[in-house]
N, C-alpha and C. Protein backbone atom coordinates (compact mmCIF):
# COMPACT_ATOMS: atom_id res chain seq x y z
N MET A 1 68.30 -56.50 -54.82
CA MET A 1 69.43 -56.74 -53.97
C MET A 1 70.72 -56.27 -54.63
N PHE A 2 70.84 -56.49 -55.94
CA PHE A 2 72.05 -56.08 -56.64
C PHE A 2 72.17 -54.57 -56.68
N GLU A 3 71.03 -53.87 -56.74
CA GLU A 3 71.07 -52.41 -56.74
C GLU A 3 71.60 -51.89 -55.41
N VAL A 4 71.17 -52.50 -54.31
CA VAL A 4 71.67 -52.11 -52.99
C VAL A 4 73.17 -52.37 -52.91
N MET A 5 73.60 -53.53 -53.44
CA MET A 5 75.02 -53.85 -53.41
C MET A 5 75.83 -52.88 -54.25
N SER A 6 75.31 -52.48 -55.41
CA SER A 6 76.06 -51.56 -56.27
C SER A 6 76.10 -50.15 -55.69
N GLU A 7 75.08 -49.77 -54.94
CA GLU A 7 75.07 -48.45 -54.33
C GLU A 7 75.92 -48.39 -53.07
N HIS A 8 76.15 -49.53 -52.45
CA HIS A 8 76.93 -49.59 -51.21
C HIS A 8 78.12 -50.53 -51.42
N GLN A 9 78.93 -50.22 -52.41
CA GLN A 9 80.02 -51.10 -52.79
C GLN A 9 81.02 -51.29 -51.65
N PHE A 10 81.33 -50.24 -50.93
CA PHE A 10 82.30 -50.36 -49.86
C PHE A 10 81.81 -51.32 -48.80
N TRP A 11 80.57 -51.14 -48.35
CA TRP A 11 80.05 -52.00 -47.29
C TRP A 11 79.84 -53.42 -47.77
N THR A 12 79.50 -53.60 -49.03
CA THR A 12 79.39 -54.95 -49.59
C THR A 12 80.75 -55.64 -49.55
N ALA A 13 81.79 -54.91 -49.94
CA ALA A 13 83.14 -55.48 -49.90
C ALA A 13 83.54 -55.82 -48.47
N VAL A 14 83.19 -54.96 -47.52
CA VAL A 14 83.53 -55.22 -46.12
C VAL A 14 82.85 -56.51 -45.64
N VAL A 15 81.58 -56.67 -45.96
CA VAL A 15 80.84 -57.87 -45.53
C VAL A 15 81.43 -59.12 -46.19
N ILE A 16 81.70 -59.06 -47.48
CA ILE A 16 82.28 -60.22 -48.17
C ILE A 16 83.65 -60.55 -47.58
N TYR A 17 84.47 -59.53 -47.33
CA TYR A 17 85.78 -59.76 -46.74
C TYR A 17 85.63 -60.37 -45.34
N TRP A 18 84.68 -59.88 -44.57
CA TRP A 18 84.47 -60.41 -43.22
C TRP A 18 84.09 -61.89 -43.27
N ILE A 19 83.21 -62.25 -44.19
CA ILE A 19 82.80 -63.65 -44.34
C ILE A 19 84.00 -64.50 -44.75
N PHE A 20 84.78 -64.01 -45.71
CA PHE A 20 85.97 -64.74 -46.15
C PHE A 20 86.96 -64.90 -45.00
N SER A 21 87.19 -63.81 -44.28
CA SER A 21 88.13 -63.85 -43.16
C SER A 21 87.66 -64.82 -42.08
N ALA A 22 86.36 -64.83 -41.80
CA ALA A 22 85.83 -65.75 -40.80
C ALA A 22 85.99 -67.20 -41.25
N ALA A 23 85.77 -67.45 -42.53
CA ALA A 23 85.93 -68.81 -43.05
C ALA A 23 87.39 -69.26 -42.96
N VAL A 24 88.29 -68.36 -43.30
CA VAL A 24 89.72 -68.70 -43.24
C VAL A 24 90.15 -68.89 -41.79
N SER A 25 89.66 -68.06 -40.88
CA SER A 25 90.04 -68.18 -39.47
C SER A 25 89.54 -69.47 -38.85
N SER A 26 88.49 -70.04 -39.42
CA SER A 26 87.96 -71.28 -38.86
C SER A 26 88.73 -72.51 -39.33
N MET A 27 89.70 -72.32 -40.21
CA MET A 27 90.51 -73.46 -40.68
C MET A 27 91.33 -74.02 -39.52
N PRO A 28 91.42 -75.33 -39.40
CA PRO A 28 92.25 -75.90 -38.32
C PRO A 28 93.73 -75.64 -38.59
N ASP A 29 94.49 -75.47 -37.50
CA ASP A 29 95.93 -75.26 -37.62
C ASP A 29 96.56 -76.48 -38.28
N PRO A 30 97.58 -76.25 -39.09
CA PRO A 30 98.24 -77.40 -39.71
C PRO A 30 98.98 -78.23 -38.65
N ALA A 31 98.92 -79.49 -38.82
CA ALA A 31 99.60 -80.39 -37.89
C ALA A 31 101.11 -80.31 -38.13
N SER A 32 101.87 -80.56 -37.08
CA SER A 32 103.33 -80.46 -37.21
C SER A 32 103.89 -81.51 -38.17
N ASN A 33 103.21 -82.60 -38.28
CA ASN A 33 103.66 -83.64 -39.21
C ASN A 33 102.80 -83.67 -40.48
N GLY A 34 102.00 -82.60 -40.70
CA GLY A 34 101.10 -82.54 -41.85
C GLY A 34 101.85 -82.26 -43.14
N GLY A 35 101.11 -82.34 -44.21
CA GLY A 35 101.70 -82.13 -45.53
C GLY A 35 102.02 -80.66 -45.79
N SER A 36 102.98 -80.45 -46.67
CA SER A 36 103.38 -79.08 -47.01
C SER A 36 102.31 -78.36 -47.84
N GLY A 37 101.47 -79.12 -48.53
CA GLY A 37 100.41 -78.51 -49.34
C GLY A 37 99.39 -77.78 -48.48
N TYR A 38 98.95 -78.44 -47.40
CA TYR A 38 97.99 -77.78 -46.51
C TYR A 38 98.63 -76.61 -45.79
N LEU A 39 99.89 -76.72 -45.41
CA LEU A 39 100.59 -75.61 -44.76
C LEU A 39 100.66 -74.41 -45.70
N TRP A 40 100.97 -74.68 -46.98
CA TRP A 40 101.02 -73.60 -47.95
C TRP A 40 99.65 -72.96 -48.12
N LEU A 41 98.59 -73.78 -48.28
CA LEU A 41 97.23 -73.27 -48.44
C LEU A 41 96.82 -72.46 -47.21
N TYR A 42 97.13 -72.98 -46.02
CA TYR A 42 96.80 -72.30 -44.77
C TYR A 42 97.45 -70.92 -44.72
N ARG A 43 98.75 -70.87 -44.99
CA ARG A 43 99.47 -69.59 -44.95
C ARG A 43 98.99 -68.65 -46.05
N PHE A 44 98.75 -69.20 -47.24
CA PHE A 44 98.30 -68.37 -48.36
C PHE A 44 96.96 -67.72 -48.05
N LEU A 45 96.00 -68.49 -47.61
CA LEU A 45 94.67 -67.95 -47.32
C LEU A 45 94.70 -66.98 -46.15
N HIS A 46 95.49 -67.28 -45.12
CA HIS A 46 95.59 -66.35 -44.00
C HIS A 46 96.28 -65.05 -44.42
N THR A 47 97.24 -65.15 -45.32
CA THR A 47 97.89 -63.94 -45.83
C THR A 47 96.91 -63.11 -46.64
N ILE A 48 96.14 -63.76 -47.51
CA ILE A 48 95.13 -63.06 -48.30
C ILE A 48 94.09 -62.42 -47.39
N ALA A 49 93.70 -63.14 -46.34
CA ALA A 49 92.67 -62.64 -45.42
C ALA A 49 93.22 -61.55 -44.51
N GLY A 50 94.51 -61.32 -44.56
CA GLY A 50 95.08 -60.27 -43.72
C GLY A 50 95.47 -60.76 -42.35
N ASN A 51 95.36 -62.04 -42.12
CA ASN A 51 95.74 -62.62 -40.83
C ASN A 51 97.21 -63.00 -40.86
N ILE A 52 98.06 -62.04 -41.14
CA ILE A 52 99.48 -62.31 -41.34
C ILE A 52 100.10 -62.87 -40.07
N THR A 53 99.70 -62.34 -38.93
CA THR A 53 100.28 -62.84 -37.67
C THR A 53 99.89 -64.29 -37.43
N THR A 54 98.69 -64.70 -37.86
CA THR A 54 98.28 -66.09 -37.71
C THR A 54 99.08 -66.98 -38.66
N ALA A 55 99.31 -66.49 -39.85
CA ALA A 55 100.01 -67.29 -40.85
C ALA A 55 101.48 -67.50 -40.51
N PHE A 56 102.14 -66.47 -39.99
CA PHE A 56 103.58 -66.57 -39.78
C PHE A 56 104.00 -66.44 -38.32
N GLY A 57 103.07 -66.15 -37.44
CA GLY A 57 103.41 -66.05 -36.01
C GLY A 57 104.46 -64.99 -35.78
N ASN A 58 105.49 -65.33 -35.04
CA ASN A 58 106.56 -64.38 -34.73
C ASN A 58 107.78 -64.61 -35.61
N LYS A 59 107.59 -65.20 -36.77
CA LYS A 59 108.71 -65.52 -37.65
C LYS A 59 109.20 -64.33 -38.47
N ILE A 60 108.42 -63.25 -38.51
CA ILE A 60 108.82 -62.07 -39.28
C ILE A 60 109.07 -60.94 -38.29
N PRO A 61 110.32 -60.48 -38.15
CA PRO A 61 110.59 -59.38 -37.21
C PRO A 61 109.96 -58.08 -37.70
N GLY A 62 109.43 -57.31 -36.76
CA GLY A 62 108.82 -56.02 -37.10
C GLY A 62 107.45 -56.14 -37.73
N LEU A 63 106.82 -57.31 -37.64
CA LEU A 63 105.53 -57.53 -38.29
C LEU A 63 104.44 -56.67 -37.67
N LYS A 64 104.49 -56.47 -36.34
CA LYS A 64 103.44 -55.67 -35.69
C LYS A 64 103.47 -54.24 -36.21
N THR A 65 104.64 -53.67 -36.34
CA THR A 65 104.77 -52.30 -36.87
C THR A 65 104.26 -52.24 -38.29
N PHE A 66 104.66 -53.23 -39.10
CA PHE A 66 104.22 -53.28 -40.49
C PHE A 66 102.71 -53.41 -40.58
N THR A 67 102.12 -54.25 -39.75
CA THR A 67 100.67 -54.46 -39.76
C THR A 67 99.93 -53.17 -39.39
N VAL A 68 100.42 -52.47 -38.38
CA VAL A 68 99.78 -51.21 -37.98
C VAL A 68 99.87 -50.20 -39.12
N LEU A 69 101.03 -50.09 -39.77
CA LEU A 69 101.18 -49.16 -40.90
C LEU A 69 100.29 -49.56 -42.07
N LEU A 70 100.22 -50.86 -42.35
CA LEU A 70 99.38 -51.33 -43.44
C LEU A 70 97.91 -51.02 -43.19
N VAL A 71 97.45 -51.28 -41.98
CA VAL A 71 96.05 -50.98 -41.64
C VAL A 71 95.78 -49.48 -41.73
N ALA A 72 96.72 -48.67 -41.26
CA ALA A 72 96.56 -47.21 -41.33
C ALA A 72 96.49 -46.74 -42.78
N LEU A 73 97.35 -47.29 -43.64
CA LEU A 73 97.32 -46.91 -45.05
C LEU A 73 96.02 -47.34 -45.73
N LEU A 74 95.59 -48.56 -45.46
CA LEU A 74 94.34 -49.03 -46.06
C LEU A 74 93.15 -48.22 -45.58
N THR A 75 93.15 -47.85 -44.31
CA THR A 75 92.06 -47.04 -43.78
C THR A 75 92.03 -45.67 -44.44
N ALA A 76 93.20 -45.09 -44.63
CA ALA A 76 93.28 -43.77 -45.25
C ALA A 76 92.91 -43.81 -46.74
N ALA A 77 93.21 -44.95 -47.39
CA ALA A 77 92.99 -45.04 -48.83
C ALA A 77 91.55 -45.35 -49.21
N THR A 78 90.79 -45.95 -48.33
CA THR A 78 89.42 -46.32 -48.68
C THR A 78 88.45 -45.21 -48.33
N SER A 79 87.48 -45.05 -49.15
CA SER A 79 86.46 -44.05 -48.88
C SER A 79 85.36 -44.67 -48.03
N ALA A 80 84.58 -43.82 -47.39
CA ALA A 80 83.53 -44.32 -46.50
C ALA A 80 82.41 -45.00 -47.27
N CYS A 81 82.10 -44.51 -48.42
CA CYS A 81 81.03 -45.11 -49.20
C CYS A 81 81.21 -44.72 -50.65
N ALA A 82 80.68 -45.50 -51.55
CA ALA A 82 80.79 -45.20 -52.97
C ALA A 82 79.98 -43.95 -53.30
N ALA A 83 80.44 -43.22 -54.29
CA ALA A 83 79.72 -42.03 -54.71
C ALA A 83 78.36 -42.45 -55.25
N ARG A 84 77.36 -41.70 -54.90
CA ARG A 84 76.01 -42.03 -55.35
C ARG A 84 75.50 -40.92 -56.25
N TYR A 85 74.79 -41.33 -57.26
CA TYR A 85 74.15 -40.38 -58.14
C TYR A 85 72.71 -40.22 -57.67
N ILE A 86 72.32 -39.00 -57.43
CA ILE A 86 70.95 -38.72 -56.98
C ILE A 86 70.11 -38.36 -58.19
N VAL A 87 69.06 -39.13 -58.40
CA VAL A 87 68.17 -38.92 -59.54
C VAL A 87 67.32 -37.69 -59.28
N HIS A 88 67.16 -36.86 -60.31
CA HIS A 88 66.34 -35.66 -60.19
C HIS A 88 64.87 -36.01 -59.94
N PRO A 89 64.18 -35.19 -59.16
CA PRO A 89 62.73 -35.41 -59.02
C PRO A 89 62.07 -35.27 -60.39
N GLY A 90 61.18 -36.16 -60.68
CA GLY A 90 60.49 -36.12 -61.97
C GLY A 90 61.19 -36.92 -63.05
N ALA A 91 62.42 -37.37 -62.79
CA ALA A 91 63.13 -38.19 -63.77
C ALA A 91 62.52 -39.58 -63.80
N LEU A 92 62.53 -40.19 -64.95
CA LEU A 92 61.94 -41.52 -65.11
C LEU A 92 62.88 -42.64 -64.68
N ASN A 93 64.19 -42.40 -64.79
CA ASN A 93 65.20 -43.35 -64.35
C ASN A 93 66.55 -42.62 -64.31
N LYS A 94 67.62 -43.34 -63.99
CA LYS A 94 68.94 -42.72 -63.89
C LYS A 94 69.42 -42.18 -65.23
N THR A 95 69.15 -42.91 -66.29
CA THR A 95 69.57 -42.46 -67.62
C THR A 95 68.90 -41.15 -67.98
N ASP A 96 67.62 -41.06 -67.71
CA ASP A 96 66.87 -39.83 -67.98
C ASP A 96 67.46 -38.67 -67.19
N SER A 97 67.75 -38.91 -65.93
CA SER A 97 68.30 -37.87 -65.06
C SER A 97 69.70 -37.44 -65.51
N ALA A 98 70.55 -38.42 -65.86
CA ALA A 98 71.91 -38.11 -66.30
C ALA A 98 71.89 -37.35 -67.62
N ALA A 99 71.00 -37.73 -68.53
CA ALA A 99 70.89 -37.02 -69.80
C ALA A 99 70.46 -35.57 -69.57
N TYR A 100 69.56 -35.39 -68.64
CA TYR A 100 69.13 -34.04 -68.28
C TYR A 100 70.31 -33.21 -67.77
N ASP A 101 71.14 -33.82 -66.92
CA ASP A 101 72.33 -33.13 -66.42
C ASP A 101 73.26 -32.71 -67.55
N ILE A 102 73.49 -33.63 -68.48
CA ILE A 102 74.37 -33.34 -69.61
C ILE A 102 73.81 -32.21 -70.46
N LEU A 103 72.51 -32.23 -70.67
CA LEU A 103 71.89 -31.15 -71.45
C LEU A 103 72.00 -29.81 -70.73
N LEU A 104 71.90 -29.82 -69.41
CA LEU A 104 72.07 -28.58 -68.65
C LEU A 104 73.48 -28.04 -68.79
N VAL A 105 74.46 -28.91 -68.73
CA VAL A 105 75.85 -28.49 -68.89
C VAL A 105 76.07 -27.92 -70.29
N ALA A 106 75.54 -28.59 -71.29
CA ALA A 106 75.69 -28.12 -72.67
C ALA A 106 75.00 -26.78 -72.87
N GLU A 107 73.82 -26.63 -72.28
CA GLU A 107 73.09 -25.36 -72.39
C GLU A 107 73.89 -24.23 -71.75
N ALA A 108 74.49 -24.50 -70.61
CA ALA A 108 75.31 -23.48 -69.95
C ALA A 108 76.53 -23.12 -70.80
N ALA A 109 77.14 -24.14 -71.45
CA ALA A 109 78.28 -23.88 -72.32
C ALA A 109 77.87 -23.03 -73.52
N ILE A 110 76.71 -23.32 -74.09
CA ILE A 110 76.21 -22.53 -75.23
C ILE A 110 75.93 -21.10 -74.81
N ASP A 111 75.25 -20.93 -73.67
CA ASP A 111 74.95 -19.57 -73.19
C ASP A 111 76.22 -18.77 -72.95
N GLN A 112 77.23 -19.40 -72.34
CA GLN A 112 78.49 -18.71 -72.07
C GLN A 112 79.21 -18.36 -73.37
N ALA A 113 79.22 -19.29 -74.31
CA ALA A 113 79.88 -19.04 -75.60
C ALA A 113 79.17 -17.92 -76.36
N ARG A 114 77.85 -17.88 -76.30
CA ARG A 114 77.12 -16.79 -76.97
C ARG A 114 77.44 -15.44 -76.34
N ARG A 115 77.50 -15.42 -74.99
CA ARG A 115 77.88 -14.16 -74.30
C ARG A 115 79.29 -13.73 -74.71
N ASP A 116 80.21 -14.70 -74.70
CA ASP A 116 81.59 -14.39 -75.08
C ASP A 116 81.65 -13.88 -76.52
N TYR A 117 80.89 -14.51 -77.41
CA TYR A 117 80.89 -14.09 -78.81
C TYR A 117 80.32 -12.67 -78.96
N ASN A 118 79.21 -12.40 -78.26
CA ASN A 118 78.59 -11.08 -78.34
C ASN A 118 79.47 -9.98 -77.78
N PHE A 119 80.32 -10.30 -76.79
CA PHE A 119 81.22 -9.30 -76.21
C PHE A 119 82.59 -9.32 -76.86
N GLY A 120 82.73 -10.08 -77.95
CA GLY A 120 84.00 -10.11 -78.67
C GLY A 120 85.09 -10.91 -77.99
N GLN A 121 84.74 -11.72 -77.03
CA GLN A 121 85.74 -12.52 -76.33
C GLN A 121 85.94 -13.90 -76.95
N LEU A 122 85.06 -14.26 -77.86
CA LEU A 122 85.18 -15.53 -78.57
C LEU A 122 85.61 -15.20 -79.99
N PRO A 123 86.68 -15.79 -80.48
CA PRO A 123 87.16 -15.46 -81.82
C PRO A 123 86.13 -15.85 -82.89
N ALA A 124 86.17 -15.11 -83.99
CA ALA A 124 85.22 -15.37 -85.08
C ALA A 124 85.38 -16.78 -85.63
N GLY A 125 86.58 -17.33 -85.56
CA GLY A 125 86.83 -18.69 -86.05
C GLY A 125 86.12 -19.76 -85.24
N ALA A 126 85.66 -19.40 -84.06
CA ALA A 126 84.97 -20.37 -83.21
C ALA A 126 83.47 -20.39 -83.48
N LYS A 127 82.97 -19.46 -84.28
CA LYS A 127 81.53 -19.39 -84.56
C LYS A 127 80.99 -20.66 -85.22
N PRO A 128 81.68 -21.26 -86.21
CA PRO A 128 81.17 -22.53 -86.77
C PRO A 128 81.08 -23.64 -85.72
N ALA A 129 82.04 -23.69 -84.81
CA ALA A 129 81.99 -24.71 -83.75
C ALA A 129 80.82 -24.45 -82.81
N LEU A 130 80.52 -23.18 -82.53
CA LEU A 130 79.36 -22.83 -81.70
C LEU A 130 78.07 -23.23 -82.40
N ASP A 131 77.97 -22.94 -83.69
CA ASP A 131 76.78 -23.33 -84.45
C ASP A 131 76.59 -24.86 -84.47
N ALA A 132 77.70 -25.59 -84.62
CA ALA A 132 77.63 -27.06 -84.61
C ALA A 132 77.20 -27.56 -83.23
N LEU A 133 77.66 -26.89 -82.18
CA LEU A 133 77.26 -27.26 -80.82
C LEU A 133 75.76 -27.05 -80.63
N VAL A 134 75.24 -25.92 -81.13
CA VAL A 134 73.81 -25.65 -80.98
C VAL A 134 72.99 -26.70 -81.72
N ARG A 135 73.41 -27.05 -82.93
CA ARG A 135 72.70 -28.09 -83.70
C ARG A 135 72.75 -29.44 -82.95
N SER A 136 73.91 -29.76 -82.43
CA SER A 136 74.06 -31.02 -81.70
C SER A 136 73.22 -31.02 -80.42
N TYR A 137 73.15 -29.87 -79.75
CA TYR A 137 72.31 -29.76 -78.55
C TYR A 137 70.84 -30.01 -78.90
N ASN A 138 70.38 -29.40 -79.98
CA ASN A 138 68.98 -29.57 -80.38
C ASN A 138 68.67 -31.03 -80.71
N LEU A 139 69.60 -31.71 -81.39
CA LEU A 139 69.40 -33.14 -81.70
C LEU A 139 69.40 -33.98 -80.42
N ALA A 140 70.32 -33.67 -79.51
CA ALA A 140 70.39 -34.43 -78.25
C ALA A 140 69.13 -34.20 -77.42
N ARG A 141 68.65 -32.98 -77.40
CA ARG A 141 67.43 -32.68 -76.63
C ARG A 141 66.23 -33.42 -77.23
N ASP A 142 66.14 -33.43 -78.56
CA ASP A 142 65.06 -34.17 -79.21
C ASP A 142 65.17 -35.67 -78.91
N SER A 143 66.39 -36.20 -78.93
CA SER A 143 66.59 -37.63 -78.61
C SER A 143 66.19 -37.91 -77.17
N TRP A 144 66.52 -36.99 -76.27
CA TRP A 144 66.16 -37.15 -74.86
C TRP A 144 64.64 -37.15 -74.68
N LEU A 145 63.96 -36.22 -75.35
CA LEU A 145 62.50 -36.16 -75.24
C LEU A 145 61.85 -37.41 -75.83
N THR A 146 62.39 -37.92 -76.93
CA THR A 146 61.88 -39.14 -77.53
C THR A 146 62.09 -40.33 -76.59
N TYR A 147 63.27 -40.39 -75.98
CA TYR A 147 63.56 -41.46 -75.02
C TYR A 147 62.61 -41.39 -73.84
N ARG A 148 62.38 -40.20 -73.32
CA ARG A 148 61.45 -40.03 -72.18
C ARG A 148 60.05 -40.49 -72.56
N ALA A 149 59.62 -40.13 -73.76
CA ALA A 149 58.28 -40.53 -74.20
C ALA A 149 58.17 -42.05 -74.32
N ALA A 150 59.23 -42.69 -74.82
CA ALA A 150 59.21 -44.15 -74.95
C ALA A 150 59.14 -44.81 -73.58
N ILE A 151 59.90 -44.29 -72.63
CA ILE A 151 59.89 -44.86 -71.27
C ILE A 151 58.53 -44.63 -70.61
N ALA A 152 58.01 -43.42 -70.74
CA ALA A 152 56.74 -43.08 -70.09
C ALA A 152 55.59 -43.93 -70.63
N ASN A 153 55.67 -44.29 -71.91
CA ASN A 153 54.59 -45.06 -72.54
C ASN A 153 54.91 -46.55 -72.60
N ASN A 154 55.92 -46.99 -71.84
CA ASN A 154 56.34 -48.39 -71.82
C ASN A 154 56.68 -48.92 -73.21
N GLY A 155 57.27 -48.05 -74.02
CA GLY A 155 57.68 -48.44 -75.37
C GLY A 155 59.04 -49.11 -75.36
N PRO A 156 59.51 -49.50 -76.54
CA PRO A 156 60.83 -50.14 -76.63
C PRO A 156 61.93 -49.08 -76.45
N GLU A 157 62.59 -49.12 -75.31
CA GLU A 157 63.56 -48.07 -75.01
C GLU A 157 64.93 -48.34 -75.61
N GLY A 158 65.23 -49.55 -76.02
CA GLY A 158 66.56 -49.90 -76.52
C GLY A 158 67.03 -49.05 -77.68
N VAL A 159 66.19 -48.91 -78.68
CA VAL A 159 66.55 -48.13 -79.86
C VAL A 159 66.72 -46.66 -79.47
N TYR A 160 65.81 -46.17 -78.66
CA TYR A 160 65.87 -44.77 -78.27
C TYR A 160 67.05 -44.50 -77.33
N PHE A 161 67.39 -45.50 -76.52
CA PHE A 161 68.56 -45.37 -75.63
C PHE A 161 69.83 -45.25 -76.47
N THR A 162 69.96 -46.08 -77.49
CA THR A 162 71.13 -46.03 -78.37
C THR A 162 71.23 -44.68 -79.07
N GLU A 163 70.10 -44.19 -79.55
CA GLU A 163 70.07 -42.89 -80.22
C GLU A 163 70.44 -41.77 -79.25
N LEU A 164 69.90 -41.84 -78.04
CA LEU A 164 70.21 -40.83 -77.02
C LEU A 164 71.69 -40.87 -76.66
N ASN A 165 72.22 -42.05 -76.48
CA ASN A 165 73.63 -42.20 -76.14
C ASN A 165 74.52 -41.60 -77.23
N GLN A 166 74.20 -41.89 -78.49
CA GLN A 166 74.99 -41.36 -79.61
C GLN A 166 74.87 -39.83 -79.67
N SER A 167 73.68 -39.32 -79.46
CA SER A 167 73.47 -37.86 -79.48
C SER A 167 74.25 -37.16 -78.37
N LEU A 168 74.26 -37.77 -77.19
CA LEU A 168 74.99 -37.16 -76.07
C LEU A 168 76.50 -37.26 -76.28
N THR A 169 76.96 -38.34 -76.90
CA THR A 169 78.37 -38.46 -77.23
C THR A 169 78.78 -37.40 -78.24
N ASP A 170 77.95 -37.20 -79.26
CA ASP A 170 78.22 -36.16 -80.25
C ASP A 170 78.21 -34.78 -79.61
N LEU A 171 77.31 -34.57 -78.68
CA LEU A 171 77.22 -33.29 -77.97
C LEU A 171 78.51 -33.02 -77.19
N ALA A 172 79.01 -34.03 -76.51
CA ALA A 172 80.27 -33.87 -75.77
C ALA A 172 81.42 -33.56 -76.72
N THR A 173 81.42 -34.18 -77.89
CA THR A 173 82.45 -33.91 -78.89
C THR A 173 82.37 -32.47 -79.37
N ARG A 174 81.16 -31.97 -79.62
CA ARG A 174 80.99 -30.58 -80.07
C ARG A 174 81.44 -29.58 -79.00
N ILE A 175 81.18 -29.89 -77.73
CA ILE A 175 81.64 -29.01 -76.65
C ILE A 175 83.16 -28.96 -76.64
N ARG A 176 83.80 -30.11 -76.78
CA ARG A 176 85.26 -30.17 -76.81
C ARG A 176 85.81 -29.41 -78.01
N GLU A 177 85.16 -29.56 -79.17
CA GLU A 177 85.61 -28.86 -80.37
C GLU A 177 85.49 -27.34 -80.20
N LEU A 178 84.41 -26.89 -79.57
CA LEU A 178 84.26 -25.45 -79.33
C LEU A 178 85.37 -24.95 -78.43
N ARG A 179 85.64 -25.69 -77.36
CA ARG A 179 86.69 -25.29 -76.42
C ARG A 179 88.04 -25.23 -77.13
N GLU A 180 88.32 -26.24 -77.97
CA GLU A 180 89.60 -26.28 -78.68
C GLU A 180 89.71 -25.17 -79.70
N SER A 181 88.63 -24.88 -80.42
CA SER A 181 88.70 -23.81 -81.42
C SER A 181 88.83 -22.45 -80.75
N ALA A 182 88.19 -22.27 -79.61
CA ALA A 182 88.32 -21.00 -78.88
C ALA A 182 89.72 -20.86 -78.29
N ALA A 183 90.27 -21.96 -77.81
CA ALA A 183 91.60 -21.91 -77.19
C ALA A 183 92.70 -21.71 -78.23
N SER A 184 92.54 -22.30 -79.40
CA SER A 184 93.60 -22.20 -80.41
C SER A 184 93.65 -20.82 -81.06
N ALA A 185 92.55 -20.13 -81.06
CA ALA A 185 92.50 -18.83 -81.72
C ALA A 185 92.60 -17.67 -80.74
N SER A 186 92.58 -17.96 -79.45
CA SER A 186 92.54 -16.88 -78.46
C SER A 186 93.55 -17.13 -77.35
N PRO A 187 94.41 -16.13 -77.08
CA PRO A 187 95.35 -16.30 -75.99
C PRO A 187 94.62 -16.40 -74.64
N ILE A 188 93.45 -15.79 -74.53
CA ILE A 188 92.67 -15.87 -73.28
C ILE A 188 92.22 -17.31 -73.07
N GLY A 189 91.76 -17.96 -74.13
CA GLY A 189 91.29 -19.34 -74.03
C GLY A 189 92.42 -20.30 -73.66
N ARG A 190 93.66 -20.03 -74.18
CA ARG A 190 94.78 -20.91 -73.88
C ARG A 190 95.19 -20.82 -72.42
N SER A 191 95.07 -19.65 -71.82
CA SER A 191 95.53 -19.51 -70.44
C SER A 191 94.56 -20.10 -69.43
N HIS A 192 93.34 -20.41 -69.84
CA HIS A 192 92.34 -20.92 -68.90
C HIS A 192 92.11 -22.40 -69.03
N GLN A 193 92.99 -23.15 -69.70
CA GLN A 193 92.75 -24.59 -69.84
C GLN A 193 93.25 -25.35 -68.72
């Protein structure tokens, strides 16, 4: 149930808000001789629930215009649904799939950097950063394969998850270092950031 709620965050929020609003709307009107505490609570909850017209009636001039503008702004600001990550076919779980994506991005960065280096578009000073990126990619790929094997064999994934996470973090750092070393030594790299 929690997975459904996390994947449909917008609609979960709408349902929770609807339940809250219905509960607040069912509150009895404050009596004219009632206490100020209940009047405050009534107005506060109706204001939170968005029932501003119920809370203040016609006591605020221009409230209808304000309410229409507020609803229009909120409608424009909210997205229809939360972004969803689609797991690759053959992936063992979301972590496995996301790690695969990161490795694909790193592989593409390595291939592009090698092409640039071979055509003289990558400065010679960036070669150590490229070599460090390749080493980091190989370690991250090995960590990913070890993690996959642990998951597939119902092994203890915690240790392997930590190792995979650290390897992928290091890989992202090496990609950033390559980009920075290429940009600092090359006017072409600086203009494309």
